[in-house]
Amino acid sequence: VQFVESGGGLVQPGGSLRLSCAASRSIFSFNAMGWYRQAPGTQRELVVRIIRGGSTNYADSVKGRFTISRDNAKNTVYLQMNSLKPEDTAVYYCHGRWYSEEYWGQGTQVTVSS
């Protein structure tokens, strides 16, 4: 299984970005998919996950600003990020879990700076 992320970049505070994660197989087959992020010197942390049935879990720090969605026909998961803050700067990773197996994308850099 491969995940290919795209959409990262440099954005000013208050701006928006949309990340995409294209999977090499049906995303509906995964028990859960989501996005994690890792800033320099910190541990990787959960941003949001979406369970197969559609329920979601957001980190408190992104609630109301970030939205996860999926397009099953395109095998793609999206992360819409609005009202970005400098503290959102990190490498963002796509993640999928299929029972006990976990899969990661290569990561995409998001930098929020003026």
N, C-alpha and C. Protein backbone atom coordinates (compact mmCIF):
# COMPACT_ATOMS: atom_id res chain seq x y z
N VAL A 1 0.85 -1.19 0.00
CA VAL A 1 0.00 0.00 0.00
C VAL A 1 0.89 1.24 0.00
N GLN A 2 0.55 2.18 -0.84
CA GLN A 2 1.29 3.45 -0.88
C GLN A 2 0.34 4.62 -0.72
N PHE A 3 0.79 5.60 0.03
CA PHE A 3 0.08 6.86 0.15
C PHE A 3 0.95 7.95 -0.45
N VAL A 4 0.38 8.78 -1.28
CA VAL A 4 1.09 9.90 -1.86
C VAL A 4 0.40 11.18 -1.43
N GLU A 5 1.13 11.97 -0.65
CA GLU A 5 0.58 13.22 -0.15
C GLU A 5 0.97 14.38 -1.05
N SER A 6 0.13 15.39 -1.04
CA SER A 6 0.43 16.61 -1.78
C SER A 6 -0.34 17.76 -1.15
N GLY A 7 0.04 18.98 -1.54
CA GLY A 7 -0.71 20.14 -1.08
C GLY A 7 -0.04 20.98 -0.04
N GLY A 8 1.09 20.53 0.47
CA GLY A 8 1.79 21.33 1.47
C GLY A 8 2.45 22.55 0.85
N GLY A 9 2.96 23.41 1.72
CA GLY A 9 3.63 24.60 1.21
C GLY A 9 3.75 25.66 2.28
N LEU A 10 4.08 26.85 1.82
CA LEU A 10 4.23 28.01 2.70
C LEU A 10 2.97 28.86 2.61
N VAL A 11 2.44 29.23 3.76
CA VAL A 11 1.22 30.05 3.80
C VAL A 11 1.34 31.03 4.94
N GLN A 12 0.71 32.18 4.79
CA GLN A 12 0.73 33.18 5.85
C GLN A 12 -0.27 32.82 6.96
N PRO A 13 -0.03 33.30 8.15
CA PRO A 13 -1.01 33.06 9.23
C PRO A 13 -2.40 33.54 8.81
N GLY A 14 -3.39 32.72 9.13
CA GLY A 14 -4.75 33.00 8.73
C GLY A 14 -5.13 32.42 7.39
N GLY A 15 -4.16 31.89 6.67
CA GLY A 15 -4.42 31.32 5.35
C GLY A 15 -4.93 29.90 5.41
N SER A 16 -5.09 29.32 4.23
CA SER A 16 -5.64 27.97 4.11
C SER A 16 -4.79 27.12 3.18
N LEU A 17 -4.83 25.84 3.42
CA LEU A 17 -4.23 24.83 2.54
C LEU A 17 -5.12 23.61 2.55
N ARG A 18 -5.05 22.85 1.47
CA ARG A 18 -5.72 21.56 1.44
C ARG A 18 -4.71 20.49 1.10
N LEU A 19 -4.56 19.54 1.98
CA LEU A 19 -3.68 18.40 1.75
C LEU A 19 -4.48 17.25 1.14
N SER A 20 -3.82 16.50 0.29
CA SER A 20 -4.43 15.32 -0.32
C SER A 20 -3.57 14.10 -0.04
N CYS A 21 -4.22 12.97 0.12
CA CYS A 21 -3.53 11.69 0.32
C CYS A 21 -4.17 10.67 -0.61
N ALA A 22 -3.45 10.32 -1.67
CA ALA A 22 -3.96 9.37 -2.63
C ALA A 22 -3.42 7.99 -2.29
N ALA A 23 -4.33 7.03 -2.12
CA ALA A 23 -3.95 5.67 -1.75
C ALA A 23 -3.91 4.77 -2.97
N SER A 24 -3.07 3.73 -2.88
CA SER A 24 -2.93 2.81 -4.00
C SER A 24 -3.99 1.72 -3.98
N ARG A 25 -4.84 1.73 -2.97
CA ARG A 25 -5.95 0.79 -2.95
C ARG A 25 -7.15 1.47 -2.29
N SER A 26 -8.26 0.80 -2.29
CA SER A 26 -9.49 1.38 -1.76
C SER A 26 -9.32 1.86 -0.32
N ILE A 27 -9.62 3.14 -0.10
CA ILE A 27 -9.51 3.66 1.27
C ILE A 27 -10.61 3.11 2.16
N PHE A 28 -11.67 2.64 1.55
CA PHE A 28 -12.77 2.09 2.36
C PHE A 28 -12.36 0.80 3.04
N SER A 29 -11.29 0.17 2.55
CA SER A 29 -10.83 -1.07 3.15
C SER A 29 -10.14 -0.85 4.49
N PHE A 30 -9.74 0.37 4.76
CA PHE A 30 -9.02 0.66 6.00
C PHE A 30 -10.00 0.83 7.16
N ASN A 31 -9.60 0.35 8.32
CA ASN A 31 -10.41 0.57 9.52
C ASN A 31 -10.46 2.05 9.87
N ALA A 32 -9.36 2.74 9.62
CA ALA A 32 -9.30 4.16 9.91
C ALA A 32 -8.23 4.80 9.05
N MET A 33 -8.46 6.04 8.71
CA MET A 33 -7.43 6.83 8.03
C MET A 33 -7.35 8.18 8.72
N GLY A 34 -6.22 8.82 8.56
CA GLY A 34 -6.10 10.10 9.24
C GLY A 34 -4.84 10.83 8.88
N TRP A 35 -4.63 11.92 9.59
CA TRP A 35 -3.45 12.76 9.42
C TRP A 35 -2.76 12.96 10.77
N TYR A 36 -1.45 12.84 10.72
CA TYR A 36 -0.61 13.14 11.87
C TYR A 36 0.34 14.25 11.45
N ARG A 37 0.96 14.87 12.43
CA ARG A 37 1.98 15.88 12.12
C ARG A 37 3.11 15.80 13.12
N GLN A 38 4.26 16.28 12.66
CA GLN A 38 5.44 16.28 13.51
C GLN A 38 6.24 17.55 13.26
N ALA A 39 6.37 18.34 14.31
CA ALA A 39 7.19 19.54 14.25
C ALA A 39 8.60 19.19 14.73
N PRO A 40 9.60 19.97 14.35
CA PRO A 40 10.98 19.68 14.78
C PRO A 40 11.09 19.57 16.29
N GLY A 41 11.75 18.52 16.76
CA GLY A 41 11.97 18.34 18.18
C GLY A 41 10.77 17.85 18.96
N THR A 42 9.71 17.46 18.27
CA THR A 42 8.52 16.98 18.96
C THR A 42 8.15 15.59 18.46
N GLN A 43 7.25 14.95 19.19
CA GLN A 43 6.76 13.65 18.76
C GLN A 43 5.64 13.82 17.74
N ARG A 44 5.48 12.82 16.92
CA ARG A 44 4.38 12.83 15.96
C ARG A 44 3.07 12.79 16.73
N GLU A 45 2.12 13.61 16.30
CA GLU A 45 0.85 13.69 17.01
C GLU A 45 -0.32 13.54 16.05
N LEU A 46 -1.41 13.03 16.57
CA LEU A 46 -2.62 12.90 15.77
C LEU A 46 -3.23 14.26 15.53
N VAL A 47 -3.59 14.49 14.29
CA VAL A 47 -4.34 15.70 13.93
C VAL A 47 -5.83 15.35 13.85
N VAL A 48 -6.13 14.33 13.08
CA VAL A 48 -7.51 13.89 12.92
C VAL A 48 -7.51 12.49 12.33
N ARG A 49 -8.52 11.69 12.72
CA ARG A 49 -8.72 10.40 12.09
C ARG A 49 -10.20 10.27 11.74
N ILE A 50 -10.43 9.49 10.70
CA ILE A 50 -11.80 9.17 10.31
C ILE A 50 -11.92 7.66 10.28
N ILE A 51 -12.94 7.18 10.99
CA ILE A 51 -13.17 5.75 11.07
C ILE A 51 -13.99 5.32 9.85
N ARG A 52 -13.95 4.04 9.53
CA ARG A 52 -14.62 3.54 8.34
C ARG A 52 -16.08 3.98 8.29
N GLY A 53 -16.75 3.95 9.43
CA GLY A 53 -18.16 4.32 9.48
C GLY A 53 -18.42 5.81 9.29
N GLY A 54 -17.34 6.61 9.39
CA GLY A 54 -17.48 8.03 9.13
C GLY A 54 -17.26 8.93 10.32
N SER A 55 -17.18 8.37 11.51
CA SER A 55 -16.95 9.22 12.68
C SER A 55 -15.52 9.74 12.68
N THR A 56 -15.34 10.89 13.30
CA THR A 56 -14.04 11.55 13.27
C THR A 56 -13.58 11.92 14.68
N ASN A 57 -12.27 12.02 14.83
CA ASN A 57 -11.66 12.49 16.07
C ASN A 57 -10.64 13.55 15.71
N TYR A 58 -10.84 14.76 16.23
CA TYR A 58 -9.92 15.86 15.96
C TYR A 58 -9.11 16.18 17.22
N ALA A 59 -7.87 16.57 17.03
CA ALA A 59 -7.10 17.13 18.13
C ALA A 59 -7.74 18.45 18.54
N ASP A 60 -7.72 18.73 19.83
CA ASP A 60 -8.35 19.96 20.32
C ASP A 60 -7.76 21.20 19.64
N SER A 61 -6.49 21.13 19.31
CA SER A 61 -5.81 22.30 18.76
C SER A 61 -6.28 22.66 17.35
N VAL A 62 -6.97 21.74 16.68
CA VAL A 62 -7.39 22.02 15.30
C VAL A 62 -8.90 22.03 15.13
N LYS A 63 -9.63 21.72 16.18
CA LYS A 63 -11.09 21.69 16.08
C LYS A 63 -11.63 23.04 15.62
N GLY A 64 -12.54 22.97 14.67
CA GLY A 64 -13.14 24.19 14.15
C GLY A 64 -12.34 24.84 13.04
N ARG A 65 -11.12 24.38 12.83
CA ARG A 65 -10.27 24.96 11.77
C ARG A 65 -9.95 23.96 10.67
N PHE A 66 -9.78 22.70 11.04
CA PHE A 66 -9.41 21.65 10.08
C PHE A 66 -10.60 20.73 9.84
N THR A 67 -10.68 20.22 8.63
CA THR A 67 -11.76 19.29 8.28
C THR A 67 -11.19 18.15 7.43
N ILE A 68 -11.47 16.93 7.85
CA ILE A 68 -11.06 15.76 7.07
C ILE A 68 -12.23 15.33 6.20
N SER A 69 -11.93 14.87 5.00
CA SER A 69 -12.96 14.33 4.13
C SER A 69 -12.33 13.25 3.27
N ARG A 70 -13.16 12.50 2.61
CA ARG A 70 -12.64 11.43 1.77
C ARG A 70 -13.49 11.29 0.52
N ASP A 71 -12.85 10.87 -0.54
CA ASP A 71 -13.52 10.57 -1.80
C ASP A 71 -13.20 9.12 -2.10
N ASN A 72 -14.14 8.24 -1.79
CA ASN A 72 -13.89 6.81 -1.97
C ASN A 72 -13.63 6.46 -3.43
N ALA A 73 -14.29 7.14 -4.34
CA ALA A 73 -14.12 6.85 -5.77
C ALA A 73 -12.70 7.16 -6.24
N LYS A 74 -12.09 8.15 -5.62
CA LYS A 74 -10.73 8.54 -5.99
C LYS A 74 -9.68 7.96 -5.05
N ASN A 75 -10.12 7.20 -4.06
CA ASN A 75 -9.19 6.63 -3.06
C ASN A 75 -8.32 7.72 -2.45
N THR A 76 -8.94 8.82 -2.11
CA THR A 76 -8.20 9.98 -1.63
C THR A 76 -8.85 10.53 -0.36
N VAL A 77 -7.98 10.89 0.56
CA VAL A 77 -8.39 11.56 1.80
C VAL A 77 -7.84 12.97 1.77
N TYR A 78 -8.64 13.92 2.23
CA TYR A 78 -8.24 15.33 2.21
C TYR A 78 -8.20 15.89 3.62
N LEU A 79 -7.39 16.91 3.78
CA LEU A 79 -7.38 17.68 5.01
C LEU A 79 -7.44 19.15 4.64
N GLN A 80 -8.59 19.75 4.88
CA GLN A 80 -8.75 21.18 4.65
C GLN A 80 -8.34 21.91 5.91
N MET A 81 -7.37 22.79 5.77
CA MET A 81 -6.83 23.53 6.93
C MET A 81 -7.09 25.01 6.73
N ASN A 82 -7.88 25.58 7.60
CA ASN A 82 -8.20 27.00 7.56
C ASN A 82 -7.66 27.70 8.80
N SER A 83 -7.60 29.01 8.72
CA SER A 83 -7.14 29.83 9.86
C SER A 83 -5.83 29.30 10.42
N LEU A 84 -4.90 29.03 9.54
CA LEU A 84 -3.63 28.42 9.95
C LEU A 84 -2.84 29.35 10.85
N LYS A 85 -2.15 28.72 11.79
CA LYS A 85 -1.33 29.43 12.78
C LYS A 85 0.12 28.98 12.64
N PRO A 86 1.05 29.81 13.09
CA PRO A 86 2.46 29.38 13.04
C PRO A 86 2.70 28.05 13.75
N GLU A 87 1.95 27.78 14.80
CA GLU A 87 2.14 26.51 15.53
C GLU A 87 1.62 25.30 14.77
N ASP A 88 0.98 25.52 13.63
CA ASP A 88 0.59 24.40 12.77
C ASP A 88 1.73 23.96 11.86
N THR A 89 2.83 24.68 11.89
CA THR A 89 3.98 24.31 11.08
C THR A 89 4.51 22.95 11.48
N ALA A 90 4.61 22.05 10.49
CA ALA A 90 5.03 20.67 10.75
C ALA A 90 5.07 19.91 9.45
N VAL A 91 5.61 18.71 9.51
CA VAL A 91 5.45 17.76 8.41
C VAL A 91 4.17 16.97 8.70
N TYR A 92 3.29 16.93 7.72
CA TYR A 92 2.01 16.24 7.87
C TYR A 92 2.07 14.90 7.15
N TYR A 93 1.64 13.86 7.87
CA TYR A 93 1.70 12.50 7.35
C TYR A 93 0.30 11.91 7.24
N CYS A 94 0.07 11.27 6.15
CA CYS A 94 -1.15 10.49 5.97
C CYS A 94 -0.95 9.12 6.63
N HIS A 95 -1.98 8.61 7.26
CA HIS A 95 -1.88 7.34 7.99
C HIS A 95 -3.11 6.49 7.71
N GLY A 96 -2.88 5.20 7.57
CA GLY A 96 -3.98 4.26 7.42
C GLY A 96 -3.75 3.04 8.29
N ARG A 97 -4.82 2.54 8.86
CA ARG A 97 -4.73 1.34 9.69
C ARG A 97 -5.69 0.29 9.15
N TRP A 98 -5.15 -0.88 8.93
CA TRP A 98 -5.95 -2.03 8.50
C TRP A 98 -5.71 -3.13 9.49
N TYR A 99 -6.63 -3.30 10.41
CA TYR A 99 -6.47 -4.20 11.55
C TYR A 99 -5.18 -3.85 12.26
N SER A 100 -4.21 -4.71 12.36
CA SER A 100 -2.99 -4.40 13.12
C SER A 100 -1.90 -3.77 12.25
N GLU A 101 -2.16 -3.62 11.00
CA GLU A 101 -1.16 -3.07 10.07
C GLU A 101 -1.35 -1.56 9.93
N GLU A 102 -0.21 -0.86 9.93
CA GLU A 102 -0.25 0.59 9.77
C GLU A 102 0.58 1.00 8.57
N TYR A 103 0.10 2.04 7.89
CA TYR A 103 0.76 2.54 6.70
C TYR A 103 0.90 4.06 6.81
N TRP A 104 2.03 4.55 6.30
CA TRP A 104 2.33 5.98 6.37
C TRP A 104 2.72 6.51 5.00
N GLY A 105 2.36 7.76 4.77
CA GLY A 105 2.87 8.45 3.60
C GLY A 105 4.24 9.02 3.89
N GLN A 106 4.81 9.68 2.89
CA GLN A 106 6.17 10.19 3.02
C GLN A 106 6.21 11.53 3.73
N GLY A 107 5.06 12.17 3.88
CA GLY A 107 4.99 13.44 4.57
C GLY A 107 5.04 14.62 3.61
N THR A 108 4.37 15.68 4.00
CA THR A 108 4.40 16.93 3.23
C THR A 108 4.56 18.09 4.21
N GLN A 109 5.45 19.00 3.87
CA GLN A 109 5.78 20.10 4.77
C GLN A 109 4.74 21.20 4.67
N VAL A 110 4.27 21.64 5.83
CA VAL A 110 3.40 22.81 5.92
C VAL A 110 4.11 23.84 6.79
N THR A 111 4.31 25.02 6.24
CA THR A 111 4.97 26.10 6.98
C THR A 111 4.05 27.31 7.00
N VAL A 112 3.75 27.77 8.21
CA VAL A 112 2.88 28.93 8.39
C VAL A 112 3.74 30.07 8.93
N SER A 113 3.96 31.06 8.10
CA SER A 113 4.87 32.14 8.47
C SER A 113 4.57 33.38 7.64
N SER A 114 4.79 34.51 8.26
CA SER A 114 4.64 35.77 7.52
C SER A 114 5.99 36.22 6.96
